[in-house]
Amino acid sequence: MTHRATLTRARFEEQLFGVLRRLVIAFLAVITLLPFFYMLLLSVKPIDALLLDPGSLWVSAGDFTLSTYRDVLRSTDDGGQGFLRFLLNSALVSLGTVALTLLAAVPGAYAVSRLKFFGHRQVSALFLAVYLFPATLLAVPLFVIFARLGLSSSLIGLAVVYVAQTVPVSVYMLKNYLVTIPRSVEEAAALDGCSRLQTVRKVILPLALPSLMATGLYVFMIAWNEFLFALLFLAADPDKWTVSLGLAQLSGGVEVPKTVLMAGSVVLTIPVVLLFFAAERLLTEGLTSGADKS
């Protein structure tokens, strides 16, 4: 009797938590997707239709328009908002930041996870502590340093500033993954005659590819959406503005219709979403399966 009661209670709890899980997932999906859907809806509406019925969650075939996107992407010389140039600038800065960050973070994370040296246990905590410093605290000193170096209005200088922000957290993220790779894999590579550098390049990096993709995507999102340093370094040169600066210009413009602002917001969001879905396969492949043959 007791055994049957236990099974009944376990089944009830399983069903209850299953229902609660679905409800939580549905709630999170609604609060996440509904604002984006409304933003997308406003971006394909003419401004007069929006003013007539701002609360409508649908757009008729007669009202559907892509002129807002043409206005956003068209160059300023042609009367547009110049977002195509902003997208290119953001892509250059973000991809450069990802490359420089991983170039510095991979050897740093490997050293912290594998090599023994004085204070190696505290180093990862120090990296994370540096990341916790507010950006406003570093903004003025970094601007002064880069102004003296002649990089205050440069996309390269902005990428280097982002690297200073992203390397600490990247080292921390990669270190947590590298410690899960069995040491026996490296020992097998050493027996085959590989040096430590060859082991890292031929063994560790392929196994750590999911973590590298996740870290790179996180760094890309930081650089793509960052506003404070972009404003500080590039405000004087509109030709070098990133897409976040361009969107801020739209939001502050009284003469700019809100439908055009929503189109700019969609243009800012879509590349990150597409990149995430493109990298999802590599993030979930589980390349370490079967790596330890011992």
Protein backbone atom coordinates (compact mmCIF):
# COMPACT_ATOMS: atom_id res chain seq x y z
CA MET A 1 0.00 0.00 0.00
CA THR A 2 2.82 2.36 0.89
CA HIS A 3 4.65 1.51 -2.34
CA ARG A 4 1.52 2.25 -4.39
CA ALA A 5 1.02 5.58 -2.60
CA THR A 6 4.64 6.50 -3.30
CA LEU A 7 4.21 5.71 -7.00
CA THR A 8 1.00 7.74 -7.15
CA ARG A 9 2.65 10.71 -5.47
CA ALA A 10 5.70 10.49 -7.75
CA ARG A 11 3.46 10.34 -10.84
CA PHE A 12 1.42 13.30 -9.59
CA GLU A 13 4.58 15.37 -8.95
CA GLU A 14 5.96 14.44 -12.38
CA GLN A 15 2.75 15.51 -14.11
CA LEU A 16 2.51 18.69 -12.03
CA PHE A 17 6.08 19.76 -12.75
CA GLY A 18 5.58 18.86 -16.41
CA VAL A 19 2.58 21.20 -16.63
CA LEU A 20 4.39 23.94 -14.70
CA ARG A 21 7.41 23.62 -16.99
CA ARG A 22 5.24 24.07 -20.07
CA LEU A 23 3.51 27.07 -18.51
CA VAL A 24 6.83 28.72 -17.64
CA ILE A 25 8.19 28.08 -21.14
CA ALA A 26 5.01 29.51 -22.70
CA PHE A 27 5.15 32.57 -20.42
CA LEU A 28 8.81 33.25 -21.23
CA ALA A 29 8.13 32.78 -24.94
CA VAL A 30 5.26 35.29 -24.85
CA ILE A 31 7.13 38.02 -22.96
CA THR A 32 10.15 37.53 -25.23
CA LEU A 33 8.53 37.17 -28.64
CA LEU A 34 5.53 39.49 -28.29
CA PRO A 35 7.58 42.74 -28.06
CA PHE A 36 9.71 41.65 -31.03
CA PHE A 37 6.57 40.73 -33.01
CA TYR A 38 5.00 44.13 -32.25
CA MET A 39 8.25 45.89 -33.25
CA LEU A 40 8.32 43.92 -36.52
CA LEU A 41 4.65 44.71 -37.09
CA LEU A 42 5.16 48.45 -36.63
CA SER A 43 8.14 48.41 -39.00
CA VAL A 44 5.98 47.29 -41.95
CA LYS A 45 3.12 49.73 -41.29
CA PRO A 46 2.75 53.21 -42.79
CA ILE A 47 2.72 55.93 -40.17
CA ASP A 48 -0.88 56.95 -40.90
CA ALA A 49 -2.17 53.41 -40.26
CA LEU A 50 -0.24 53.33 -37.00
CA LEU A 51 -1.74 56.63 -35.85
CA LEU A 52 -5.26 55.44 -36.66
CA ASP A 53 -4.94 52.17 -34.71
CA PRO A 54 -1.71 52.01 -32.65
CA GLY A 55 -2.84 48.97 -30.65
CA SER A 56 -3.56 46.71 -33.60
CA LEU A 57 -1.59 43.43 -33.62
CA TRP A 58 -2.11 42.81 -37.33
CA VAL A 59 -1.35 44.57 -40.58
CA SER A 60 -3.60 44.33 -43.62
CA ALA A 61 -2.28 43.55 -47.08
CA GLY A 62 -3.13 47.09 -48.19
CA ASP A 63 -1.13 48.65 -45.37
CA PHE A 64 1.92 46.38 -45.66
CA THR A 65 5.00 48.33 -46.77
CA LEU A 66 8.78 47.92 -46.85
CA SER A 67 9.44 51.59 -47.49
CA THR A 68 10.57 52.01 -43.89
CA TYR A 69 13.43 49.55 -44.48
CA ARG A 70 14.38 51.29 -47.71
CA ASP A 71 14.46 54.57 -45.82
CA VAL A 72 16.61 53.09 -43.05
CA LEU A 73 19.12 51.36 -45.32
CA ARG A 74 19.39 54.07 -47.98
CA SER A 75 22.45 56.31 -47.71
CA THR A 76 22.14 59.78 -46.25
CA ASP A 77 23.13 61.28 -49.61
CA ASP A 78 19.95 59.75 -51.06
CA GLY A 79 17.79 61.00 -48.20
CA GLY A 80 17.92 57.83 -46.08
CA GLN A 81 19.29 57.05 -42.65
CA GLY A 82 22.52 55.34 -43.79
CA PHE A 83 22.09 52.14 -41.79
CA LEU A 84 23.84 50.04 -44.42
CA ARG A 85 27.10 51.81 -43.61
CA PHE A 86 26.37 51.51 -39.88
CA LEU A 87 25.83 47.76 -40.27
CA LEU A 88 29.16 47.40 -42.07
CA ASN A 89 30.96 49.39 -39.37
CA SER A 90 29.36 47.31 -36.60
CA ALA A 91 30.23 44.07 -38.41
CA LEU A 92 33.88 45.10 -38.79
CA VAL A 93 34.18 46.14 -35.15
CA SER A 94 32.33 43.08 -33.81
CA LEU A 95 34.20 40.51 -35.91
CA GLY A 96 37.51 42.18 -35.14
CA THR A 97 36.67 42.12 -31.44
CA VAL A 98 35.80 38.41 -31.58
CA ALA A 99 39.06 37.55 -33.39
CA LEU A 100 41.29 39.59 -31.07
CA THR A 101 39.47 38.40 -27.95
CA LEU A 102 39.77 34.69 -28.81
CA LEU A 103 43.40 35.18 -29.85
CA ALA A 104 44.16 36.50 -26.37
CA ALA A 105 41.68 34.42 -24.35
CA VAL A 106 42.52 30.92 -25.64
CA PRO A 107 46.15 30.82 -24.42
CA GLY A 108 45.13 32.61 -21.22
CA ALA A 109 42.34 30.14 -20.47
CA TYR A 110 44.59 27.17 -21.29
CA ALA A 111 47.29 28.47 -18.96
CA VAL A 112 44.84 28.97 -16.11
CA SER A 113 43.22 25.55 -16.60
CA ARG A 114 46.34 23.45 -17.18
CA LEU A 115 49.54 25.10 -15.95
CA LYS A 116 50.57 25.28 -12.32
CA PHE A 117 51.90 28.60 -11.11
CA PHE A 118 51.67 30.76 -8.03
CA GLY A 119 48.13 32.06 -7.57
CA HIS A 120 46.63 30.17 -10.52
CA ARG A 121 43.49 29.41 -8.51
CA GLN A 122 42.89 33.11 -7.85
CA VAL A 123 43.60 34.30 -11.39
CA SER A 124 40.19 33.34 -12.81
CA ALA A 125 38.45 35.13 -9.96
CA LEU A 126 40.56 38.23 -10.66
CA PHE A 127 39.59 38.10 -14.33
CA LEU A 128 35.92 38.01 -13.37
CA ALA A 129 36.42 40.81 -10.84
CA VAL A 130 37.93 43.03 -13.55
CA TYR A 131 34.86 42.39 -15.71
CA LEU A 132 32.62 43.56 -12.86
CA PHE A 133 34.11 47.08 -12.96
CA PRO A 134 31.50 49.48 -14.39
CA ALA A 135 32.22 50.65 -17.93
CA THR A 136 31.76 54.29 -16.95
CA LEU A 137 34.73 53.97 -14.60
CA LEU A 138 37.01 53.01 -17.51
CA ALA A 139 35.52 55.26 -20.18
CA VAL A 140 37.44 58.49 -19.51
CA PRO A 141 40.90 56.92 -18.91
CA LEU A 142 40.58 54.78 -22.04
CA PHE A 143 39.44 57.75 -24.11
CA VAL A 144 42.40 59.85 -22.95
CA ILE A 145 44.90 57.05 -23.69
CA PHE A 146 43.50 56.34 -27.15
CA ALA A 147 43.25 60.05 -27.97
CA ARG A 148 46.98 60.40 -27.31
CA LEU A 149 47.61 57.37 -29.52
CA GLY A 150 45.52 58.90 -32.31
CA LEU A 151 42.88 56.16 -32.17
CA SER A 152 40.01 58.08 -30.59
CA SER A 153 37.97 58.18 -33.82
CA SER A 154 38.99 54.80 -35.18
CA LEU A 155 37.08 51.54 -35.57
CA ILE A 156 40.31 49.70 -34.74
CA GLY A 157 40.65 51.66 -31.51
CA LEU A 158 37.05 50.89 -30.60
CA ALA A 159 37.63 47.17 -31.21
CA VAL A 160 40.70 47.24 -28.95
CA VAL A 161 38.64 48.93 -26.22
CA TYR A 162 36.04 46.19 -26.50
CA VAL A 163 38.79 43.56 -26.24
CA ALA A 164 39.85 45.06 -22.93
CA GLN A 165 36.30 44.46 -21.71
CA THR A 166 35.69 41.02 -23.21
CA VAL A 167 38.98 39.19 -22.57
CA PRO A 168 38.45 38.72 -18.80
CA VAL A 169 35.02 37.10 -19.10
CA SER A 170 36.15 35.10 -22.15
CA VAL A 171 39.07 33.64 -20.21
CA TYR A 172 36.70 32.75 -17.38
CA MET A 173 34.19 31.07 -19.74
CA LEU A 174 36.81 29.12 -21.70
CA LYS A 175 38.63 28.01 -18.56
CA ASN A 176 35.47 26.43 -17.18
CA TYR A 177 35.18 24.37 -20.37
CA LEU A 178 38.85 23.43 -20.79
CA VAL A 179 39.04 21.87 -17.32
CA THR A 180 36.41 19.34 -18.45
CA ILE A 181 38.62 18.04 -21.28
CA PRO A 182 40.41 14.89 -20.00
CA ARG A 183 44.13 15.25 -19.46
CA SER A 184 44.58 11.78 -20.96
CA VAL A 185 43.83 13.28 -24.39
CA GLU A 186 46.81 15.62 -24.05
CA GLU A 187 48.97 12.82 -22.67
CA ALA A 188 48.14 10.69 -25.71
CA ALA A 189 49.09 13.57 -28.00
CA ALA A 190 52.38 14.02 -26.12
CA LEU A 191 53.15 10.31 -26.58
CA ASP A 192 52.59 10.80 -30.31
CA GLY A 193 55.29 13.47 -30.31
CA CYS A 194 53.16 16.63 -30.20
CA SER A 195 54.54 19.68 -28.45
CA ARG A 196 52.28 21.64 -26.11
CA LEU A 197 51.55 24.19 -28.83
CA GLN A 198 50.69 21.44 -31.31
CA THR A 199 48.49 19.78 -28.69
CA VAL A 200 46.57 23.00 -28.19
CA ARG A 201 46.18 23.59 -31.92
CA LYS A 202 45.39 20.05 -33.06
CA VAL A 203 43.62 18.58 -30.02
CA ILE A 204 42.33 21.18 -27.56
CA LEU A 205 40.94 23.71 -30.03
CA PRO A 206 38.86 21.16 -32.04
CA LEU A 207 37.46 19.71 -28.82
CA ALA A 208 36.73 23.19 -27.46
CA LEU A 209 34.97 24.37 -30.62
CA PRO A 210 31.48 24.51 -28.99
CA SER A 211 32.87 26.66 -26.18
CA LEU A 212 34.76 28.85 -28.64
CA MET A 213 31.55 29.38 -30.62
CA ALA A 214 29.55 30.23 -27.50
CA THR A 215 32.23 32.63 -26.26
CA GLY A 216 32.61 34.22 -29.70
CA LEU A 217 28.86 34.69 -30.00
CA TYR A 218 28.73 36.31 -26.55
CA VAL A 219 31.60 38.66 -27.44
CA PHE A 220 29.94 39.49 -30.77
CA MET A 221 26.71 40.43 -29.00
CA ILE A 222 28.57 42.68 -26.57
CA ALA A 223 30.41 44.51 -29.35
CA TRP A 224 27.34 44.70 -31.61
CA ASN A 225 25.05 46.24 -28.98
CA GLU A 226 27.56 48.40 -27.07
CA PHE A 227 26.73 52.11 -27.04
CA LEU A 228 28.73 54.04 -24.43
CA PHE A 229 32.23 53.60 -25.87
CA ALA A 230 30.92 53.86 -29.44
CA LEU A 231 29.39 57.22 -28.56
CA LEU A 232 32.54 58.37 -26.77
CA PHE A 233 34.95 57.37 -29.53
CA LEU A 234 32.95 57.87 -32.74
CA ALA A 235 30.44 60.66 -32.09
CA ALA A 236 32.53 63.20 -34.00
CA ASP A 237 32.67 61.10 -37.19
CA PRO A 238 29.20 59.99 -38.44
CA ASP A 239 30.75 57.94 -41.28
CA LYS A 240 32.20 55.58 -38.66
CA TRP A 241 29.09 55.24 -36.50
CA THR A 242 27.97 51.79 -35.48
CA VAL A 243 24.37 50.66 -35.77
CA SER A 244 23.68 51.34 -32.08
CA LEU A 245 24.69 54.99 -32.58
CA GLY A 246 22.52 55.21 -35.69
CA LEU A 247 19.55 53.84 -33.77
CA ALA A 248 20.10 56.37 -30.99
CA GLN A 249 20.06 59.11 -33.62
CA LEU A 250 16.73 57.83 -34.92
CA SER A 251 15.18 57.65 -31.46
CA GLY A 252 16.21 61.24 -30.75
CA GLY A 253 14.92 62.63 -34.02
CA VAL A 254 11.53 64.33 -33.76
CA GLU A 255 10.98 64.27 -37.52
CA VAL A 256 11.69 60.54 -37.83
CA PRO A 257 8.50 58.40 -37.87
CA LYS A 258 8.32 55.72 -35.22
CA THR A 259 7.79 53.11 -37.93
CA VAL A 260 11.26 53.95 -39.30
CA LEU A 261 12.64 53.69 -35.76
CA MET A 262 11.11 50.22 -35.43
CA ALA A 263 12.64 49.22 -38.78
CA GLY A 264 16.03 50.33 -37.48
CA SER A 265 15.49 48.27 -34.32
CA VAL A 266 14.70 45.20 -36.43
CA VAL A 267 17.82 45.79 -38.53
CA LEU A 268 19.85 45.95 -35.31
CA THR A 269 18.34 42.73 -33.93
CA ILE A 270 18.15 40.41 -36.94
CA PRO A 271 21.91 39.83 -37.50
CA VAL A 272 22.44 38.58 -33.95
CA VAL A 273 19.40 36.28 -34.18
CA LEU A 274 20.55 34.84 -37.51
CA LEU A 275 24.07 34.36 -36.19
CA PHE A 276 22.76 32.51 -33.16
CA PHE A 277 20.69 30.12 -35.25
CA ALA A 278 23.59 29.59 -37.65
CA ALA A 279 25.92 28.70 -34.77
CA GLU A 280 23.38 26.61 -32.85
CA ARG A 281 24.46 23.37 -34.54
CA LEU A 282 28.08 23.81 -33.46
CA LEU A 283 26.98 24.77 -29.96
CA THR A 284 25.09 21.50 -29.50
CA GLU A 285 27.13 18.97 -31.47
CA GLY A 286 28.99 17.62 -28.46
CA LEU A 287 32.35 17.27 -30.12
CA THR A 288 33.93 15.78 -26.99
CA SER A 289 31.90 12.59 -27.24
CA GLY A 290 34.28 9.67 -27.44
CA ALA A 291 37.38 11.85 -27.01
CA ASP A 292 38.70 9.92 -24.01
CA LYS A 293 39.70 6.50 -25.24
CA SER A 294 41.30 5.29 -22.04
